[in-house]
Amino acid sequence: MQSFLEIFDIYLLEAVINGILFGGVLALLALGLNLIFGVIDVTWICYAELVMIGMYGMYYLVSVFHVSYWIAAPLCILLVAGMGALLHILVIQPLLSAPPINQLLATGGVLFFLQSLATVAFGIDFRNLGIQLPVLALGEMHFSYSRLLSFAAALVGMVAVYVFMKRSYTGIAIRAIAQDRQIMALMGVDARRIYIVTSALGGALAGLAACLLVLQYDVHPFVGLSFGPITFLICVLGGLGNFVGGFVASFVFAEIISLGGLFSDLEWGYVLAFGFFILMMFVRPGGLLARRQ
């Protein structure tokens, strides 16, 4: 009995650590979406489709054109950052004064457009980079180097964004305009430029996530469905536009999914995570860190 409990404890610890590693990438996605909502006050339903485009970019650069992964990654980050800025200029900017439902429908339309475009352009085949990373063995526990690398890179990316927001003039302007749009306009801040920079930054975070996720998942036109809904729910659970809340909610979701996979299977982990979200919407509809009225 004691040996069974020892093994069970090892598996439990392994699941907890894997949940933390998974939570780092989810936190990166939530940061990008929360950044856009907090500044522009528009939720991009199509955010995960930018990740999908970035994953295809990585696949073609690395597997087809044989570009080094370390060179392809910054190129894809720039590509998706440009797509984020272009999406704002073409779709979001004309709808800034429109009702929120119109904005949601527009970004939802972009979601289906990008999925359909990827299906026509790339087909529905599942593709992967073919990069086999080793597995780190610590006693009875095993951790994928791809997840360890993803967690480390996601952490570096989030710290870089934090420093940019705290120390640069543009970052300070982004934080200020998120707090009071009207006053910042009167102080001479070009809100239009800040919105484009924010959209590009959110796209860059999606591009970084794509470079990390492509090491773990196959690429196909609907891969965004694996991350889009859960990223949106994380942002809602943390409080839309609340960076700290989104960070906490990312790890809560990741641990529920990981532990659910330990006791049953991964699909049940997602079922439990979505059930937890529904329950929390009754208990704390404003988000995990919202103050009680």
Protein backbone atom coordinates (compact mmCIF):
# COMPACT_ATOMS: atom_id res chain seq x y z
CA MET A 1 0.00 0.00 0.00
CA GLN A 2 2.80 2.40 0.89
CA SER A 3 4.60 1.83 -2.42
CA PHE A 4 1.32 2.54 -4.28
CA LEU A 5 0.92 5.82 -2.42
CA GLU A 6 4.53 6.77 -3.16
CA ILE A 7 4.02 6.16 -6.90
CA PHE A 8 0.70 8.01 -6.76
CA ASP A 9 2.41 10.97 -5.11
CA ILE A 10 5.06 11.00 -7.85
CA TYR A 11 2.42 10.98 -10.57
CA LEU A 12 0.50 13.71 -8.74
CA LEU A 13 3.63 15.87 -8.49
CA GLU A 14 4.36 15.26 -12.17
CA ALA A 15 0.82 16.35 -13.10
CA VAL A 16 1.12 19.50 -10.97
CA ILE A 17 4.43 20.47 -12.57
CA ASN A 18 3.09 19.77 -16.07
CA GLY A 19 0.11 21.97 -15.21
CA ILE A 20 2.49 24.79 -14.28
CA LEU A 21 4.39 24.37 -17.56
CA PHE A 22 1.14 24.39 -19.56
CA GLY A 23 -0.11 27.39 -17.61
CA GLY A 24 2.87 29.47 -18.74
CA VAL A 25 1.83 29.26 -22.40
CA LEU A 26 -1.83 29.88 -21.55
CA ALA A 27 -0.77 32.94 -19.53
CA LEU A 28 1.12 34.23 -22.57
CA LEU A 29 -1.99 33.91 -24.76
CA ALA A 30 -4.19 35.50 -22.09
CA LEU A 31 -1.74 38.39 -21.73
CA GLY A 32 -1.99 39.20 -25.44
CA LEU A 33 -5.78 39.08 -25.48
CA ASN A 34 -6.11 41.04 -22.22
CA LEU A 35 -3.68 43.67 -23.47
CA ILE A 36 -5.80 44.31 -26.55
CA PHE A 37 -9.06 44.40 -24.59
CA GLY A 38 -7.62 46.54 -21.79
CA VAL A 39 -6.40 49.23 -24.20
CA ILE A 40 -8.75 49.10 -27.19
CA ASP A 41 -11.79 47.66 -25.36
CA VAL A 42 -12.40 45.13 -28.15
CA THR A 43 -12.23 41.36 -27.71
CA TRP A 44 -10.61 39.58 -30.64
CA ILE A 45 -12.56 36.34 -31.04
CA CYS A 46 -10.11 35.49 -33.84
CA TYR A 47 -7.00 35.80 -31.63
CA ALA A 48 -6.18 32.07 -31.72
CA GLU A 49 -6.34 32.11 -35.52
CA LEU A 50 -3.34 34.44 -35.50
CA VAL A 51 -1.56 31.69 -33.57
CA MET A 52 -2.61 29.22 -36.28
CA ILE A 53 -1.13 31.44 -39.02
CA GLY A 54 2.08 31.73 -37.02
CA MET A 55 2.28 27.95 -36.65
CA TYR A 56 1.90 27.52 -40.41
CA GLY A 57 4.62 30.12 -40.91
CA MET A 58 6.94 28.13 -38.65
CA TYR A 59 6.11 24.89 -40.44
CA TYR A 60 6.88 26.23 -43.90
CA LEU A 61 10.02 28.09 -42.88
CA VAL A 62 11.51 25.20 -40.89
CA SER A 63 10.21 22.06 -42.67
CA VAL A 64 9.80 23.26 -46.26
CA PHE A 65 12.43 26.00 -46.69
CA HIS A 66 14.81 24.51 -44.07
CA VAL A 67 15.34 27.75 -42.18
CA SER A 68 16.81 27.34 -38.71
CA TYR A 69 14.16 27.30 -35.97
CA TRP A 70 15.96 30.14 -34.16
CA ILE A 71 15.83 32.33 -37.28
CA ALA A 72 12.28 31.32 -38.23
CA ALA A 73 10.89 32.16 -34.78
CA PRO A 74 11.59 35.95 -34.83
CA LEU A 75 10.42 36.10 -38.46
CA CYS A 76 7.08 34.53 -37.51
CA ILE A 77 6.73 36.80 -34.49
CA LEU A 78 7.16 39.81 -36.80
CA LEU A 79 4.71 38.28 -39.31
CA VAL A 80 1.96 37.82 -36.74
CA ALA A 81 2.68 41.22 -35.17
CA GLY A 82 2.14 42.75 -38.62
CA MET A 83 -1.09 40.78 -38.99
CA GLY A 84 -2.27 42.12 -35.64
CA ALA A 85 -1.65 45.70 -36.74
CA LEU A 86 -3.30 45.05 -40.13
CA LEU A 87 -6.33 43.48 -38.44
CA HIS A 88 -6.77 46.60 -36.33
CA ILE A 89 -6.46 48.97 -39.31
CA LEU A 90 -8.79 47.04 -41.63
CA VAL A 91 -11.38 45.62 -39.22
CA ILE A 92 -11.26 47.12 -35.74
CA GLN A 93 -10.52 50.79 -36.42
CA PRO A 94 -13.66 51.39 -38.53
CA LEU A 95 -15.75 49.76 -35.77
CA LEU A 96 -14.33 51.50 -32.69
CA SER A 97 -17.51 53.53 -32.22
CA ALA A 98 -19.82 50.65 -33.17
CA PRO A 99 -21.76 48.59 -30.59
CA PRO A 100 -19.72 45.76 -28.97
CA ILE A 101 -21.85 43.10 -30.67
CA ASN A 102 -20.79 44.45 -34.08
CA GLN A 103 -17.15 44.23 -33.04
CA LEU A 104 -17.57 40.65 -31.85
CA LEU A 105 -19.34 39.66 -35.05
CA ALA A 106 -16.61 41.27 -37.15
CA THR A 107 -13.78 39.46 -35.36
CA GLY A 108 -15.86 36.28 -35.49
CA GLY A 109 -16.10 36.75 -39.24
CA VAL A 110 -12.31 37.12 -39.40
CA LEU A 111 -12.04 33.83 -37.48
CA PHE A 112 -14.05 31.91 -40.09
CA PHE A 113 -12.30 33.75 -42.93
CA LEU A 114 -8.84 32.74 -41.68
CA GLN A 115 -9.94 29.15 -41.06
CA SER A 116 -11.42 28.88 -44.54
CA LEU A 117 -8.42 30.58 -46.15
CA ALA A 118 -6.04 28.17 -44.39
CA THR A 119 -8.16 25.20 -45.48
CA VAL A 120 -8.06 26.31 -49.13
CA ALA A 121 -4.37 27.25 -49.05
CA PHE A 122 -2.93 24.41 -46.97
CA GLY A 123 -5.56 21.65 -46.98
CA ILE A 124 -6.76 19.80 -43.89
CA ASP A 125 -3.69 17.60 -43.40
CA PHE A 126 -2.05 17.55 -39.99
CA ARG A 127 1.59 18.67 -40.24
CA ASN A 128 4.44 18.97 -37.78
CA LEU A 129 7.98 20.30 -37.70
CA GLY A 130 9.47 16.86 -37.18
CA ILE A 131 11.70 18.19 -34.38
CA GLN A 132 12.11 15.50 -31.74
CA LEU A 133 13.19 17.01 -28.44
CA PRO A 134 14.38 14.70 -25.63
CA VAL A 135 12.50 14.01 -22.42
CA LEU A 136 13.87 15.03 -19.04
CA ALA A 137 13.67 12.15 -16.55
CA LEU A 138 13.71 12.93 -12.84
CA GLY A 139 13.31 9.59 -11.09
CA GLU A 140 9.87 8.31 -12.06
CA MET A 141 8.80 11.67 -13.46
CA HIS A 142 9.18 12.65 -17.12
CA PHE A 143 8.94 16.14 -18.60
CA SER A 144 9.08 17.11 -22.26
CA TYR A 145 11.85 19.54 -23.17
CA SER A 146 9.38 21.22 -25.51
CA ARG A 147 7.18 22.14 -22.55
CA LEU A 148 10.16 23.24 -20.48
CA LEU A 149 11.38 25.41 -23.36
CA SER A 150 7.88 26.80 -23.93
CA PHE A 151 7.47 27.70 -20.26
CA ALA A 152 10.88 29.42 -20.12
CA ALA A 153 10.29 31.36 -23.36
CA ALA A 154 6.77 32.35 -22.28
CA LEU A 155 8.16 33.62 -18.97
CA VAL A 156 10.85 35.64 -20.76
CA GLY A 157 8.23 37.06 -23.13
CA MET A 158 5.95 38.13 -20.28
CA VAL A 159 8.84 39.75 -18.38
CA ALA A 160 9.89 41.60 -21.55
CA VAL A 161 6.35 42.94 -21.99
CA TYR A 162 6.26 43.97 -18.31
CA VAL A 163 9.54 45.90 -18.66
CA PHE A 164 8.33 47.49 -21.91
CA MET A 165 5.08 48.60 -20.27
CA LYS A 166 6.86 49.98 -17.20
CA ARG A 167 9.98 51.60 -18.64
CA SER A 168 9.28 52.78 -22.20
CA TYR A 169 7.37 55.93 -23.16
CA THR A 170 5.08 53.93 -25.46
CA GLY A 171 4.42 51.35 -22.73
CA ILE A 172 3.53 54.06 -20.24
CA ALA A 173 1.23 55.65 -22.83
CA ILE A 174 -0.46 52.27 -23.39
CA ARG A 175 -1.09 51.89 -19.66
CA ALA A 176 -2.32 55.45 -19.36
CA ILE A 177 -4.72 55.28 -22.29
CA ALA A 178 -6.12 52.04 -20.90
CA GLN A 179 -7.02 53.89 -17.70
CA ASP A 180 -8.55 57.04 -19.26
CA ARG A 181 -8.90 57.41 -23.03
CA GLN A 182 -10.46 60.87 -22.98
CA ILE A 183 -7.87 62.52 -20.74
CA MET A 184 -4.92 61.05 -22.65
CA ALA A 185 -6.30 62.41 -25.91
CA LEU A 186 -6.44 65.89 -24.34
CA MET A 187 -2.80 65.51 -23.25
CA GLY A 188 -1.67 65.04 -26.84
CA VAL A 189 -1.27 61.25 -26.94
CA ASP A 190 -2.03 59.87 -30.41
CA ALA A 191 -4.58 57.21 -29.50
CA ARG A 192 -4.67 55.84 -33.03
CA ARG A 193 -0.93 55.11 -33.01
CA ILE A 194 -1.12 53.56 -29.54
CA TYR A 195 -3.95 51.28 -30.67
CA ILE A 196 -1.91 50.06 -33.65
CA VAL A 197 1.17 49.48 -31.47
CA THR A 198 -0.96 47.58 -28.94
CA SER A 199 -2.48 45.41 -31.67
CA ALA A 200 1.00 44.67 -33.03
CA LEU A 201 2.24 43.80 -29.54
CA GLY A 202 -0.74 41.50 -28.98
CA GLY A 203 0.00 39.89 -32.35
CA ALA A 204 3.67 39.47 -31.40
CA LEU A 205 2.63 37.58 -28.25
CA ALA A 206 0.40 35.35 -30.42
CA GLY A 207 3.40 34.81 -32.73
CA LEU A 208 5.62 33.84 -29.79
CA ALA A 209 2.96 31.41 -28.58
CA ALA A 210 2.80 29.93 -32.10
CA CYS A 211 6.56 29.32 -32.09
CA LEU A 212 6.24 27.46 -28.79
CA LEU A 213 3.05 25.51 -29.50
CA VAL A 214 4.29 24.25 -32.87
CA LEU A 215 6.86 22.18 -30.95
CA GLN A 216 4.05 20.32 -29.18
CA TYR A 217 1.05 20.25 -31.55
CA ASP A 218 0.37 19.43 -35.17
CA VAL A 219 -0.58 22.30 -37.46
CA HIS A 220 -3.98 22.31 -39.22
CA PRO A 221 -6.58 24.97 -40.10
CA PHE A 222 -8.63 24.36 -36.94
CA VAL A 223 -5.81 24.19 -34.41
CA GLY A 224 -6.98 27.57 -33.07
CA LEU A 225 -10.05 25.85 -31.65
CA SER A 226 -7.72 24.04 -29.24
CA PHE A 227 -6.61 27.34 -27.66
CA GLY A 228 -9.12 30.05 -28.61
CA PRO A 229 -12.08 29.13 -26.39
CA ILE A 230 -9.97 28.36 -23.33
CA THR A 231 -7.96 31.59 -23.75
CA PHE A 232 -11.18 33.61 -23.92
CA LEU A 233 -12.59 31.85 -20.84
CA ILE A 234 -9.35 32.47 -18.95
CA CYS A 235 -9.58 36.19 -19.73
CA VAL A 236 -13.22 36.30 -18.61
CA LEU A 237 -12.47 34.33 -15.45
CA GLY A 238 -9.57 36.62 -14.61
CA GLY A 239 -11.59 39.71 -15.50
CA LEU A 240 -11.32 41.08 -19.05
CA GLY A 241 -8.40 43.49 -19.18
CA ASN A 242 -7.08 42.36 -15.76
CA PHE A 243 -3.51 41.16 -16.37
CA VAL A 244 -2.98 39.71 -12.88
CA GLY A 245 -6.37 38.00 -12.92
CA GLY A 246 -5.65 36.47 -16.32
CA PHE A 247 -2.26 35.24 -15.09
CA VAL A 248 -3.82 33.55 -12.04
CA ALA A 249 -6.72 32.10 -14.05
CA SER A 250 -4.29 30.61 -16.59
CA PHE A 251 -2.57 28.48 -13.97
CA VAL A 252 -5.87 27.55 -12.29
CA PHE A 253 -7.22 26.29 -15.63
CA ALA A 254 -3.97 24.51 -16.47
CA GLU A 255 -3.88 22.69 -13.12
CA ILE A 256 -7.51 21.59 -13.41
CA ILE A 257 -6.85 20.22 -16.91
CA SER A 258 -3.62 18.51 -15.88
CA LEU A 259 -5.04 16.94 -12.71
CA GLY A 260 -8.20 15.92 -14.56
CA GLY A 261 -5.98 14.11 -17.05
CA LEU A 262 -4.24 12.32 -14.16
CA PHE A 263 -7.41 10.98 -12.56
CA SER A 264 -9.24 10.24 -15.80
CA ASP A 265 -8.18 11.52 -19.24
CA LEU A 266 -7.36 14.86 -20.83
CA GLU A 267 -10.86 15.37 -22.25
CA TRP A 268 -12.32 15.12 -18.74
CA GLY A 269 -9.76 17.68 -17.61
CA TYR A 270 -11.23 20.18 -20.08
CA VAL A 271 -14.76 19.25 -18.99
CA LEU A 272 -13.84 19.97 -15.37
CA ALA A 273 -12.18 23.26 -16.33
CA PHE A 274 -15.25 24.46 -18.23
CA GLY A 275 -17.49 23.31 -15.39
CA PHE A 276 -15.34 25.29 -12.94
CA PHE A 277 -15.69 28.35 -15.18
CA ILE A 278 -19.51 28.07 -15.19
CA LEU A 279 -19.55 27.72 -11.40
CA MET A 280 -17.28 30.74 -10.92
CA MET A 281 -19.51 32.87 -13.13
CA PHE A 282 -22.21 32.40 -10.48
CA VAL A 283 -19.86 33.00 -7.55
CA ARG A 284 -17.66 35.77 -8.99
CA PRO A 285 -19.13 37.01 -12.28
CA GLY A 286 -16.62 39.88 -12.38
CA GLY A 287 -13.62 37.53 -12.28
CA LEU A 288 -11.47 35.69 -9.74
CA LEU A 289 -9.90 38.86 -8.34
CA ALA A 290 -13.00 41.03 -8.49
CA ARG A 291 -14.00 42.74 -5.26
CA ARG A 292 -17.25 41.71 -3.67
CA GLN A 293 -19.90 44.41 -3.77
